[in-house]
Amino acid sequence: RPRRPDANVGVGLALSMEHNGLQIVLMEPDSPAALSHAIHRGDVLKAVDGVTTVGCTTEEALAMLYGKPGSDVTLTLKGGGPGTTPRDVKLVRGPDSQDATFDATAQRRKARC
């Protein structure tokens, strides 16, 4: 399906609400997130462009990740282990990440039904 030139795109992440916050559970191969080599499964998303994701639903956080193709987005991530410090990862939203960012929690719920 062709994408409109003004359509928003993501960075290729799958998020799940876990006890420690919004956790990265998957990355789409060849997505901006995967190609950065700076994001890891189990990382917790703490902020997007300096706006906290603490208290956000997965849907709200996903909306924050979307933007114009080629635009910059900075993710603040914390590793899953104790004592890790948050780090910023700057990505460029990719033209091929239209449907890459999705809610893994909803996918798991669907799988159980």
PDB file of N, CA and C in Angstrom:
ATOM      1  N   ARG A   1       0.842  -1.179   0.000  1.00  0.00           N
ATOM      2  CA  ARG A   1       0.000   0.000   0.000  1.00  0.00           C
ATOM      3  C   ARG A   1       0.881   1.234   0.000  1.00  0.00           C
ATOM      4  N   PRO A   2       0.698   2.152  -0.938  1.00  0.00           N
ATOM      5  CA  PRO A   2       1.543   3.355  -0.967  1.00  0.00           C
ATOM      6  C   PRO A   2       1.266   4.257   0.225  1.00  0.00           C
ATOM      7  N   ARG A   3       2.323   4.901   0.682  1.00  0.00           N
ATOM      8  CA  ARG A   3       2.217   5.791   1.830  1.00  0.00           C
ATOM      9  C   ARG A   3       2.174   7.224   1.331  1.00  0.00           C
ATOM     10  N   ARG A   4       1.291   8.029   1.922  1.00  0.00           N
ATOM     11  CA  ARG A   4       1.249   9.444   1.589  1.00  0.00           C
ATOM     12  C   ARG A   4       2.567  10.081   2.005  1.00  0.00           C
ATOM     13  N   PRO A   5       3.065  11.057   1.246  1.00  0.00           N
ATOM     14  CA  PRO A   5       4.344  11.684   1.609  1.00  0.00           C
ATOM     15  C   PRO A   5       4.328  12.372   2.958  1.00  0.00           C
ATOM     16  N   ASP A   6       3.144  12.794   3.434  1.00  0.00           N
ATOM     17  CA  ASP A   6       3.070  13.505   4.715  1.00  0.00           C
ATOM     18  C   ASP A   6       2.738  12.578   5.875  1.00  0.00           C
ATOM     19  N   ALA A   7       2.688  11.269   5.625  1.00  0.00           N
ATOM     20  CA  ALA A   7       2.320  10.315   6.683  1.00  0.00           C
ATOM     21  C   ALA A   7       3.431  10.220   7.729  1.00  0.00           C
ATOM     22  N   ASN A   8       3.040  10.043   8.980  1.00  0.00           N
ATOM     23  CA  ASN A   8       4.005   9.884  10.054  1.00  0.00           C
ATOM     24  C   ASN A   8       4.550   8.465  10.075  1.00  0.00           C
ATOM     25  N   VAL A   9       5.784   8.341  10.552  1.00  0.00           N
ATOM     26  CA  VAL A   9       6.443   7.043  10.646  1.00  0.00           C
ATOM     27  C   VAL A   9       7.078   6.903  12.020  1.00  0.00           C
ATOM     28  N   GLY A  10       7.452   5.679  12.359  1.00  0.00           N
ATOM     29  CA  GLY A  10       8.087   5.413  13.642  1.00  0.00           C
ATOM     30  C   GLY A  10       9.555   5.067  13.486  1.00  0.00           C
ATOM     31  N   VAL A  11      10.085   4.365  14.482  1.00  0.00           N
ATOM     32  CA  VAL A  11      11.496   3.994  14.478  1.00  0.00           C
ATOM     33  C   VAL A  11      11.702   2.487  14.540  1.00  0.00           C
ATOM     34  N   GLY A  12      10.617   1.713  14.526  1.00  0.00           N
ATOM     35  CA  GLY A  12      10.742   0.262  14.475  1.00  0.00           C
ATOM     36  C   GLY A  12      10.809  -0.434  15.816  1.00  0.00           C
ATOM     37  N   LEU A  13      10.150   0.111  16.828  1.00  0.00           N
ATOM     38  CA  LEU A  13      10.168  -0.491  18.161  1.00  0.00           C
ATOM     39  C   LEU A  13       8.838  -1.136  18.511  1.00  0.00           C
ATOM     40  N   ALA A  14       8.897  -2.176  19.313  1.00  0.00           N
ATOM     41  CA  ALA A  14       7.711  -2.765  19.926  1.00  0.00           C
ATOM     42  C   ALA A  14       7.847  -2.588  21.429  1.00  0.00           C
ATOM     43  N   LEU A  15       6.827  -2.012  22.056  1.00  0.00           N
ATOM     44  CA  LEU A  15       6.845  -1.725  23.490  1.00  0.00           C
ATOM     45  C   LEU A  15       5.840  -2.587  24.227  1.00  0.00           C
ATOM     46  N   SER A  16       6.152  -2.861  25.475  1.00  0.00           N
ATOM     47  CA  SER A  16       5.243  -3.588  26.354  1.00  0.00           C
ATOM     48  C   SER A  16       5.284  -2.938  27.727  1.00  0.00           C
ATOM     49  N   MET A  17       4.106  -2.780  28.339  1.00  0.00           N
ATOM     50  CA  MET A  17       4.056  -2.221  29.689  1.00  0.00           C
ATOM     51  C   MET A  17       4.436  -3.332  30.664  1.00  0.00           C
ATOM     52  N   GLU A  18       5.527  -3.130  31.366  1.00  0.00           N
ATOM     53  CA  GLU A  18       6.016  -4.097  32.343  1.00  0.00           C
ATOM     54  C   GLU A  18       6.079  -3.436  33.712  1.00  0.00           C
ATOM     55  N   HIS A  19       6.447  -4.181  34.736  1.00  0.00           N
ATOM     56  CA  HIS A  19       6.485  -3.637  36.099  1.00  0.00           C
ATOM     57  C   HIS A  19       7.444  -2.463  36.242  1.00  0.00           C
ATOM     58  N   ASN A  20       8.491  -2.416  35.410  1.00  0.00           N
ATOM     59  CA  ASN A  20       9.481  -1.346  35.515  1.00  0.00           C
ATOM     60  C   ASN A  20       9.272  -0.232  34.486  1.00  0.00           C
ATOM     61  N   GLY A  21       8.173  -0.274  33.743  1.00  0.00           N
ATOM     62  CA  GLY A  21       7.875   0.775  32.770  1.00  0.00           C
ATOM     63  C   GLY A  21       7.700   0.219  31.374  1.00  0.00           C
ATOM     64  N   LEU A  22       7.819   1.098  30.399  1.00  0.00           N
ATOM     65  CA  LEU A  22       7.656   0.723  28.996  1.00  0.00           C
ATOM     66  C   LEU A  22       8.930   0.063  28.492  1.00  0.00           C
ATOM     67  N   GLN A  23       8.846  -1.217  28.283  1.00  0.00           N
ATOM     68  CA  GLN A  23      10.033  -1.997  27.926  1.00  0.00           C
ATOM     69  C   GLN A  23      10.059  -2.297  26.432  1.00  0.00           C
ATOM     70  N   ILE A  24      11.250  -2.219  25.849  1.00  0.00           N
ATOM     71  CA  ILE A  24      11.426  -2.581  24.447  1.00  0.00           C
ATOM     72  C   ILE A  24      11.511  -4.092  24.357  1.00  0.00           C
ATOM     73  N   VAL A  25      10.593  -4.674  23.584  1.00  0.00           N
ATOM     74  CA  VAL A  25      10.554  -6.129  23.473  1.00  0.00           C
ATOM     75  C   VAL A  25      10.990  -6.625  22.102  1.00  0.00           C
ATOM     76  N   LEU A  26      10.883  -5.793  21.086  1.00  0.00           N
ATOM     77  CA  LEU A  26      11.290  -6.167  19.730  1.00  0.00           C
ATOM     78  C   LEU A  26      11.742  -4.940  18.958  1.00  0.00           C
ATOM     79  N   MET A  27      12.577  -5.178  17.942  1.00  0.00           N
ATOM     80  CA  MET A  27      12.932  -4.142  16.987  1.00  0.00           C
ATOM     81  C   MET A  27      12.773  -4.731  15.596  1.00  0.00           C
ATOM     82  N   GLU A  28      12.141  -3.976  14.722  1.00  0.00           N
ATOM     83  CA  GLU A  28      11.980  -4.424  13.349  1.00  0.00           C
ATOM     84  C   GLU A  28      13.357  -4.467  12.689  1.00  0.00           C
ATOM     85  N   PRO A  29      13.692  -5.572  12.007  1.00  0.00           N
ATOM     86  CA  PRO A  29      14.998  -5.633  11.323  1.00  0.00           C
ATOM     87  C   PRO A  29      15.134  -4.473  10.336  1.00  0.00           C
ATOM     88  N   ASP A  30      16.319  -3.930  10.248  1.00  0.00           N
ATOM     89  CA  ASP A  30      16.654  -2.828   9.340  1.00  0.00           C
ATOM     90  C   ASP A  30      15.914  -1.526   9.650  1.00  0.00           C
ATOM     91  N   SER A  31      15.334  -1.429  10.825  1.00  0.00           N
ATOM     92  CA  SER A  31      14.666  -0.190  11.241  1.00  0.00           C
ATOM     93  C   SER A  31      15.706   0.766  11.828  1.00  0.00           C
ATOM     94  N   PRO A  32      15.364   2.043  11.964  1.00  0.00           N
ATOM     95  CA  PRO A  32      16.294   2.979  12.606  1.00  0.00           C
ATOM     96  C   PRO A  32      16.741   2.498  13.992  1.00  0.00           C
ATOM     97  N   ALA A  33      15.832   1.930  14.766  1.00  0.00           N
ATOM     98  CA  ALA A  33      16.184   1.450  16.108  1.00  0.00           C
ATOM     99  C   ALA A  33      17.201   0.316  16.030  1.00  0.00           C
ATOM    100  N   ALA A  34      16.965  -0.661  15.162  1.00  0.00           N
ATOM    101  CA  ALA A  34      17.870  -1.806  15.048  1.00  0.00           C
ATOM    102  C   ALA A  34      19.227  -1.390  14.477  1.00  0.00           C
ATOM    103  N   LEU A  35      19.221  -0.525  13.490  1.00  0.00           N
ATOM    104  CA  LEU A  35      20.474  -0.113  12.849  1.00  0.00           C
ATOM    105  C   LEU A  35      21.332   0.767  13.745  1.00  0.00           C
ATOM    106  N   SER A  36      20.738   1.345  14.784  1.00  0.00           N
ATOM    107  CA  SER A  36      21.517   2.196  15.692  1.00  0.00           C
ATOM    108  C   SER A  36      22.501   1.383  16.527  1.00  0.00           C
ATOM    109  N   HIS A  37      22.208   0.112  16.765  1.00  0.00           N
ATOM    110  CA  HIS A  37      23.016  -0.771  17.618  1.00  0.00           C
ATOM    111  C   HIS A  37      23.182  -0.213  19.034  1.00  0.00           C
ATOM    112  N   ALA A  38      22.345   0.752  19.398  1.00  0.00           N
ATOM    113  CA  ALA A  38      22.433   1.373  20.725  1.00  0.00           C
ATOM    114  C   ALA A  38      21.208   1.062  21.573  1.00  0.00           C
ATOM    115  N   ILE A  39      20.247   0.357  20.992  1.00  0.00           N
ATOM    116  CA  ILE A  39      19.013   0.012  21.693  1.00  0.00           C
ATOM    117  C   ILE A  39      18.975  -1.496  21.830  1.00  0.00           C
ATOM    118  N   HIS A  40      18.576  -1.953  23.007  1.00  0.00           N
ATOM    119  CA  HIS A  40      18.600  -3.389  23.281  1.00  0.00           C
ATOM    120  C   HIS A  40      17.256  -3.858  23.826  1.00  0.00           C
ATOM    121  N   ARG A  41      16.927  -5.080  23.502  1.00  0.00           N
ATOM    122  CA  ARG A  41      15.728  -5.690  24.059  1.00  0.00           C
ATOM    123  C   ARG A  41      15.846  -5.652  25.584  1.00  0.00           C
ATOM    124  N   GLY A  42      14.784  -5.225  26.255  1.00  0.00           N
ATOM    125  CA  GLY A  42      14.811  -5.107  27.711  1.00  0.00           C
ATOM    126  C   GLY A  42      15.067  -3.701  28.193  1.00  0.00           C
ATOM    127  N   ASP A  43      15.564  -2.806  27.307  1.00  0.00           N
ATOM    128  CA  ASP A  43      15.713  -1.406  27.699  1.00  0.00           C
ATOM    129  C   ASP A  43      14.347  -0.830  28.046  1.00  0.00           C
ATOM    130  N   VAL A  44      14.337   0.130  28.963  1.00  0.00           N
ATOM    131  CA  VAL A  44      13.098   0.790  29.364  1.00  0.00           C
ATOM    132  C   VAL A  44      13.108   2.209  28.795  1.00  0.00           C
ATOM    133  N   LEU A  45      12.026   2.562  28.102  1.00  0.00           N
ATOM    134  CA  LEU A  45      11.880   3.885  27.512  1.00  0.00           C
ATOM    135  C   LEU A  45      11.442   4.863  28.596  1.00  0.00           C
ATOM    136  N   LYS A  46      12.311   5.817  28.925  1.00  0.00           N
ATOM    137  CA  LYS A  46      12.036   6.783  29.998  1.00  0.00           C
ATOM    138  C   LYS A  46      11.496   8.109  29.475  1.00  0.00           C
ATOM    139  N   ALA A  47      11.905   8.505  28.253  1.00  0.00           N
ATOM    140  CA  ALA A  47      11.452   9.783  27.689  1.00  0.00           C
ATOM    141  C   ALA A  47      11.629   9.767  26.176  1.00  0.00           C
ATOM    142  N   VAL A  48      10.840  10.611  25.509  1.00  0.00           N
ATOM    143  CA  VAL A  48      10.959  10.833  24.065  1.00  0.00           C
ATOM    144  C   VAL A  48      11.088  12.333  23.862  1.00  0.00           C
ATOM    145  N   ASP A  49      12.188  12.752  23.262  1.00  0.00           N
ATOM    146  CA  ASP A  49      12.478  14.177  23.058  1.00  0.00           C
ATOM    147  C   ASP A  49      12.357  14.974  24.347  1.00  0.00           C
ATOM    148  N   GLY A  50      12.824  14.391  25.456  1.00  0.00           N
ATOM    149  CA  GLY A  50      12.839  15.072  26.741  1.00  0.00           C
ATOM    150  C   GLY A  50      11.522  15.053  27.490  1.00  0.00           C
ATOM    151  N   VAL A  51      10.489  14.457  26.910  1.00  0.00           N
ATOM    152  CA  VAL A  51       9.179  14.368  27.561  1.00  0.00           C
ATOM    153  C   VAL A  51       9.061  12.985  28.194  1.00  0.00           C
ATOM    154  N   THR A  52       8.832  12.946  29.483  1.00  0.00           N
ATOM    155  CA  THR A  52       8.805  11.673  30.195  1.00  0.00           C
ATOM    156  C   THR A  52       7.708  10.744  29.681  1.00  0.00           C
ATOM    157  N   THR A  53       7.995   9.458  29.711  1.00  0.00           N
ATOM    158  CA  THR A  53       6.990   8.446  29.382  1.00  0.00           C
ATOM    159  C   THR A  53       6.477   7.754  30.644  1.00  0.00           C
ATOM    160  N   VAL A  54       7.005   8.164  31.794  1.00  0.00           N
ATOM    161  CA  VAL A  54       6.549   7.592  33.060  1.00  0.00           C
ATOM    162  C   VAL A  54       5.081   7.959  33.247  1.00  0.00           C
ATOM    163  N   GLY A  55       4.251   6.960  33.445  1.00  0.00           N
ATOM    164  CA  GLY A  55       2.824   7.164  33.594  1.00  0.00           C
ATOM    165  C   GLY A  55       2.056   7.142  32.282  1.00  0.00           C
ATOM    166  N   CYS A  56       2.773   7.054  31.162  1.00  0.00           N
ATOM    167  CA  CYS A  56       2.120   6.987  29.854  1.00  0.00           C
ATOM    168  C   CYS A  56       1.638   5.567  29.569  1.00  0.00           C
ATOM    169  N   THR A  57       0.580   5.467  28.796  1.00  0.00           N
ATOM    170  CA  THR A  57       0.174   4.165  28.271  1.00  0.00           C
ATOM    171  C   THR A  57       1.070   3.843  27.081  1.00  0.00           C
ATOM    172  N   THR A  58       1.032   2.602  26.638  1.00  0.00           N
ATOM    173  CA  THR A  58       1.820   2.242  25.452  1.00  0.00           C
ATOM    174  C   THR A  58       1.355   3.062  24.255  1.00  0.00           C
ATOM    175  N   GLU A  59       0.051   3.288  24.124  1.00  0.00           N
ATOM    176  CA  GLU A  59      -0.476   4.054  23.003  1.00  0.00           C
ATOM    177  C   GLU A  59       0.049   5.489  23.017  1.00  0.00           C
ATOM    178  N   GLU A  60       0.098   6.106  24.199  1.00  0.00           N
ATOM    179  CA  GLU A  60       0.615   7.472  24.306  1.00  0.00           C
ATOM    180  C   GLU A  60       2.099   7.526  23.947  1.00  0.00           C
ATOM    181  N   ALA A  61       2.863   6.551  24.415  1.00  0.00           N
ATOM    182  CA  ALA A  61       4.296   6.527  24.105  1.00  0.00           C
ATOM    183  C   ALA A  61       4.527   6.294  22.622  1.00  0.00           C
ATOM    184  N   LEU A  62       3.749   5.412  22.023  1.00  0.00           N
ATOM    185  CA  LEU A  62       3.894   5.148  20.595  1.00  0.00           C
ATOM    186  C   LEU A  62       3.588   6.396  19.786  1.00  0.00           C
ATOM    187  N   ALA A  63       2.579   7.150  20.190  1.00  0.00           N
ATOM    188  CA  ALA A  63       2.251   8.389  19.493  1.00  0.00           C
ATOM    189  C   ALA A  63       3.418   9.377  19.555  1.00  0.00           C
ATOM    190  N   MET A  64       4.151   9.367  20.657  1.00  0.00           N
ATOM    191  CA  MET A  64       5.310  10.251  20.812  1.00  0.00           C
ATOM    192  C   MET A  64       6.450   9.844  19.875  1.00  0.00           C
ATOM    193  N   LEU A  65       6.528   8.563  19.527  1.00  0.00           N
ATOM    194  CA  LEU A  65       7.603   8.075  18.666  1.00  0.00           C
ATOM    195  C   LEU A  65       7.378   8.422  17.197  1.00  0.00           C
ATOM    196  N   TYR A  66       6.128   8.602  16.803  1.00  0.00           N
ATOM    197  CA  TYR A  66       5.814   8.888  15.406  1.00  0.00           C
ATOM    198  C   TYR A  66       6.096  10.330  15.052  1.00  0.00           C
ATOM    199  N   GLY A  67       6.487  10.543  13.786  1.00  0.00           N
ATOM    200  CA  GLY A  67       6.753  11.877  13.279  1.00  0.00           C
ATOM    201  C   GLY A  67       6.998  11.826  11.795  1.00  0.00           C
ATOM    202  N   LYS A  68       7.375  12.938  11.237  1.00  0.00           N
ATOM    203  CA  LYS A  68       7.627  13.033   9.802  1.00  0.00           C
ATOM    204  C   LYS A  68       8.847  12.191   9.412  1.00  0.00           C
ATOM    205  N   PRO A  69       8.797  11.530   8.261  1.00  0.00           N
ATOM    206  CA  PRO A  69       9.966  10.773   7.786  1.00  0.00           C
ATOM    207  C   PRO A  69      11.191  11.684   7.709  1.00  0.00           C
ATOM    208  N   GLY A  70      12.317  11.194   8.217  1.00  0.00           N
ATOM    209  CA  GLY A  70      13.556  11.951   8.196  1.00  0.00           C
ATOM    210  C   GLY A  70      13.744  12.888   9.380  1.00  0.00           C
ATOM    211  N   SER A  71      12.736  12.992  10.246  1.00  0.00           N
ATOM    212  CA  SER A  71      12.874  13.876  11.406  1.00  0.00           C
ATOM    213  C   SER A  71      13.611  13.157  12.534  1.00  0.00           C
ATOM    214  N   ASP A  72      14.285  13.946  13.359  1.00  0.00           N
ATOM    215  CA  ASP A  72      15.037  13.401  14.493  1.00  0.00           C
ATOM    216  C   ASP A  72      14.124  13.134  15.674  1.00  0.00           C
ATOM    217  N   VAL A  73      14.487  12.127  16.460  1.00  0.00           N
ATOM    218  CA  VAL A  73      13.815  11.848  17.722  1.00  0.00           C
ATOM    219  C   VAL A  73      14.871  11.326  18.684  1.00  0.00           C
ATOM    220  N   THR A  74      14.842  11.799  19.916  1.00  0.00           N
ATOM    221  CA  THR A  74      15.794  11.353  20.927  1.00  0.00           C
ATOM    222  C   THR A  74      15.060  10.534  21.978  1.00  0.00           C
ATOM    223  N   LEU A  75      15.520   9.304  22.171  1.00  0.00           N
ATOM    224  CA  LEU A  75      14.947   8.416  23.174  1.00  0.00           C
ATOM    225  C   LEU A  75      15.865   8.380  24.381  1.00  0.00           C
ATOM    226  N   THR A  76      15.302   8.498  25.564  1.00  0.00           N
ATOM    227  CA  THR A  76      16.052   8.298  26.795  1.00  0.00           C
ATOM    228  C   THR A  76      15.712   6.899  27.277  1.00  0.00           C
ATOM    229  N   LEU A  77      16.741   6.071  27.376  1.00  0.00           N
ATOM    230  CA  LEU A  77      16.580   4.654  27.700  1.00  0.00           C
ATOM    231  C   LEU A  77      17.373   4.307  28.938  1.00  0.00           C
ATOM    232  N   LYS A  78      16.880   3.315  29.660  1.00  0.00           N
ATOM    233  CA  LYS A  78      17.606   2.789  30.820  1.00  0.00           C
ATOM    234  C   LYS A  78      17.706   1.287  30.625  1.00  0.00           C
ATOM    235  N   GLY A  79      18.898   0.758  30.799  1.00  0.00           N
ATOM    236  CA  GLY A  79      19.087  -0.681  30.709  1.00  0.00           C
ATOM    237  C   GLY A  79      18.281  -1.401  31.768  1.00  0.00           C
ATOM    238  N   GLY A  80      18.010  -2.677  31.531  1.00  0.00           N
ATOM    239  CA  GLY A  80      17.167  -3.443  32.430  1.00  0.00           C
ATOM    240  C   GLY A  80      17.775  -3.759  33.782  1.00  0.00           C
ATOM    241  N   GLY A  81      19.081  -3.731  33.898  1.00  0.00           N
ATOM    242  CA  GLY A  81      19.738  -4.119  35.147  1.00  0.00           C
ATOM    243  C   GLY A  81      19.744  -3.020  36.186  1.00  0.00           C
ATOM    244  N   PRO A  82      19.898  -3.405  37.458  1.00  0.00           N
ATOM    245  CA  PRO A  82      19.965  -2.403  38.529  1.00  0.00           C
ATOM    246  C   PRO A  82      21.250  -1.571  38.421  1.00  0.00           C
ATOM    247  N   GLY A  83      21.133  -0.319  38.779  1.00  0.00           N
ATOM    248  CA  GLY A  83      22.303   0.550  38.793  1.00  0.00           C
ATOM    249  C   GLY A  83      22.678   1.129  37.445  1.00  0.00           C
ATOM    250  N   THR A  84      21.932   0.830  36.390  1.00  0.00           N
ATOM    251  CA  THR A  84      22.260   1.409  35.091  1.00  0.00           C
ATOM    252  C   THR A  84      21.755   2.841  35.031  1.00  0.00           C
ATOM    253  N   THR A  85      22.474   3.677  34.324  1.00  0.00           N
ATOM    254  CA  THR A  85      22.075   5.080  34.213  1.00  0.00           C
ATOM    255  C   THR A  85      21.383   5.299  32.867  1.00  0.00           C
ATOM    256  N   PRO A  86      20.423   6.213  32.835  1.00  0.00           N
ATOM    257  CA  PRO A  86      19.743   6.506  31.566  1.00  0.00           C
ATOM    258  C   PRO A  86      20.726   7.060  30.532  1.00  0.00           C
ATOM    259  N   ARG A  87      20.436   6.774  29.275  1.00  0.00           N
ATOM    260  CA  ARG A  87      21.259   7.272  28.179  1.00  0.00           C
ATOM    261  C   ARG A  87      20.345   7.761  27.066  1.00  0.00           C
ATOM    262  N   ASP A  88      20.816   8.729  26.304  1.00  0.00           N
ATOM    263  CA  ASP A  88      20.055   9.255  25.177  1.00  0.00           C
ATOM    264  C   ASP A  88      20.537   8.614  23.883  1.00  0.00           C
ATOM    265  N   VAL A  89      19.588   8.263  23.043  1.00  0.00           N
ATOM    266  CA  VAL A  89      19.879   7.709  21.725  1.00  0.00           C
ATOM    267  C   VAL A  89      19.112   8.540  20.707  1.00  0.00           C
ATOM    268  N   LYS A  90      19.834   9.159  19.785  1.00  0.00           N
ATOM    269  CA  LYS A  90      19.210   9.982  18.756  1.00  0.00           C
ATOM    270  C   LYS A  90      19.002   9.126  17.508  1.00  0.00           C
ATOM    271  N   LEU A  91      17.780   9.130  16.991  1.00  0.00           N
ATOM    272  CA  LEU A  91      17.434   8.368  15.792  1.00  0.00           C
ATOM    273  C   LEU A  91      16.809   9.302  14.770  1.00  0.00           C
ATOM    274  N   VAL A  92      16.798   8.847  13.519  1.00  0.00           N
ATOM    275  CA  VAL A  92      16.083   9.531  12.455  1.00  0.00           C
ATOM    276  C   VAL A  92      14.936   8.618  12.052  1.00  0.00           C
ATOM    277  N   ARG A  93      13.730   9.142  12.090  1.00  0.00           N
ATOM    278  CA  ARG A  93      12.560   8.336  11.738  1.00  0.00           C
ATOM    279  C   ARG A  93      12.697   7.864  10.295  1.00  0.00           C
ATOM    280  N   GLY A  94      12.500   6.560  10.112  1.00  0.00           N
ATOM    281  CA  GLY A  94      12.770   5.959   8.808  1.00  0.00           C
ATOM    282  C   GLY A  94      11.567   5.866   7.905  1.00  0.00           C
ATOM    283  N   PRO A  95      11.797   5.995   6.600  1.00  0.00           N
ATOM    284  CA  PRO A  95      10.702   5.919   5.639  1.00  0.00           C
ATOM    285  C   PRO A  95      10.062   4.535   5.575  1.00  0.00           C
ATOM    286  N   ASP A  96      10.772   3.512   5.980  1.00  0.00           N
ATOM    287  CA  ASP A  96      10.246   2.154   5.908  1.00  0.00           C
ATOM    288  C   ASP A  96       9.711   1.661   7.247  1.00  0.00           C
ATOM    289  N   SER A  97       9.522   2.550   8.207  1.00  0.00           N
ATOM    290  CA  SER A  97       9.056   2.149   9.535  1.00  0.00           C
ATOM    291  C   SER A  97       7.606   2.557   9.765  1.00  0.00           C
ATOM    292  N   GLN A  98       6.834   2.609   8.694  1.00  0.00           N
ATOM    293  CA  GLN A  98       5.437   3.042   8.782  1.00  0.00           C
ATOM    294  C   GLN A  98       4.648   2.221   9.790  1.00  0.00           C
ATOM    295  N   ASP A  99       4.745   0.916   9.717  1.00  0.00           N
ATOM    296  CA  ASP A  99       3.945   0.052  10.579  1.00  0.00           C
ATOM    297  C   ASP A  99       4.814  -0.672  11.597  1.00  0.00           C
ATOM    298  N   ALA A 100       6.004  -0.175  11.835  1.00  0.00           N
ATOM    299  CA  ALA A 100       6.961  -0.894  12.669  1.00  0.00           C
ATOM    300  C   ALA A 100       6.706  -0.711  14.155  1.00  0.00           C
ATOM    301  N   THR A 101       6.209   0.433  14.550  1.00  0.00           N
ATOM    302  CA  THR A 101       6.011   0.686  15.961  1.00  0.00           C
ATOM    303  C   THR A 101       4.619   0.219  16.346  1.00  0.00           C
ATOM    304  N   PHE A 102       4.554  -0.770  17.214  1.00  0.00           N
ATOM    305  CA  PHE A 102       3.255  -1.309  17.603  1.00  0.00           C
ATOM    306  C   PHE A 102       3.272  -1.692  19.060  1.00  0.00           C
ATOM    307  N   ASP A 103       2.108  -2.028  19.575  1.00  0.00           N
ATOM    308  CA  ASP A 103       1.934  -2.325  20.992  1.00  0.00           C
ATOM    309  C   ASP A 103       2.047  -3.832  21.219  1.00  0.00           C
ATOM    310  N   ALA A 104       3.168  -4.269  21.748  1.00  0.00           N
ATOM    311  CA  ALA A 104       3.384  -5.697  21.972  1.00  0.00           C
ATOM    312  C   ALA A 104       2.430  -6.267  23.005  1.00  0.00           C
ATOM    313  N   THR A 105       1.992  -5.444  23.954  1.00  0.00           N
ATOM    314  CA  THR A 105       1.055  -5.918  24.968  1.00  0.00           C
ATOM    315  C   THR A 105      -0.247  -6.353  24.307  1.00  0.00           C
ATOM    316  N   ALA A 106      -0.752  -5.543  23.388  1.00  0.00           N
ATOM    317  CA  ALA A 106      -1.991  -5.890  22.680  1.00  0.00           C
ATOM    318  C   ALA A 106      -1.789  -7.127  21.828  1.00  0.00           C
ATOM    319  N   GLN A 107      -0.625  -7.264  21.220  1.00  0.00           N
ATOM    320  CA  GLN A 107      -0.345  -8.448  20.403  1.00  0.00           C
ATOM    321  C   GLN A 107      -0.379  -9.706  21.257  1.00  0.00           C
ATOM    322  N   ARG A 108       0.171  -9.631  22.474  1.00  0.00           N
ATOM    323  CA  ARG A 108       0.162 -10.796  23.363  1.00  0.00           C
ATOM    324  C   ARG A 108      -1.258 -11.128  23.802  1.00  0.00           C
ATOM    325  N   ARG A 109      -2.051 -10.075  24.083  1.00  0.00           N
ATOM    326  CA  ARG A 109      -3.440 -10.319  24.472  1.00  0.00           C
ATOM    327  C   ARG A 109      -4.196 -11.022  23.355  1.00  0.00           C
ATOM    328  N   LYS A 110      -3.980 -10.584  22.105  1.00  0.00           N
ATOM    329  CA  LYS A 110      -4.644 -11.195  20.966  1.00  0.00           C
ATOM    330  C   LYS A 110      -4.219 -12.657  20.848  1.00  0.00           C
ATOM    331  N   ALA A 111      -2.952 -12.915  21.096  1.00  0.00           N
ATOM    332  CA  ALA A 111      -2.436 -14.268  20.960  1.00  0.00           C
ATOM    333  C   ALA A 111      -3.067 -15.211  21.993  1.00  0.00           C
ATOM    334  N   ARG A 112      -3.471 -14.679  23.144  1.00  0.00           N
ATOM    335  CA  ARG A 112      -4.067 -15.514  24.191  1.00  0.00           C
ATOM    336  C   ARG A 112      -5.521 -15.842  23.902  1.00  0.00           C
ATOM    337  N   CYS A 113      -6.187 -15.051  23.070  1.00  0.00           N
ATOM    338  CA  CYS A 113      -7.619 -15.245  22.811  1.00  0.00           C
ATOM    339  C   CYS A 113      -7.879 -16.387  21.850  1.00  0.00           C
TER     340      CYS A 113
END
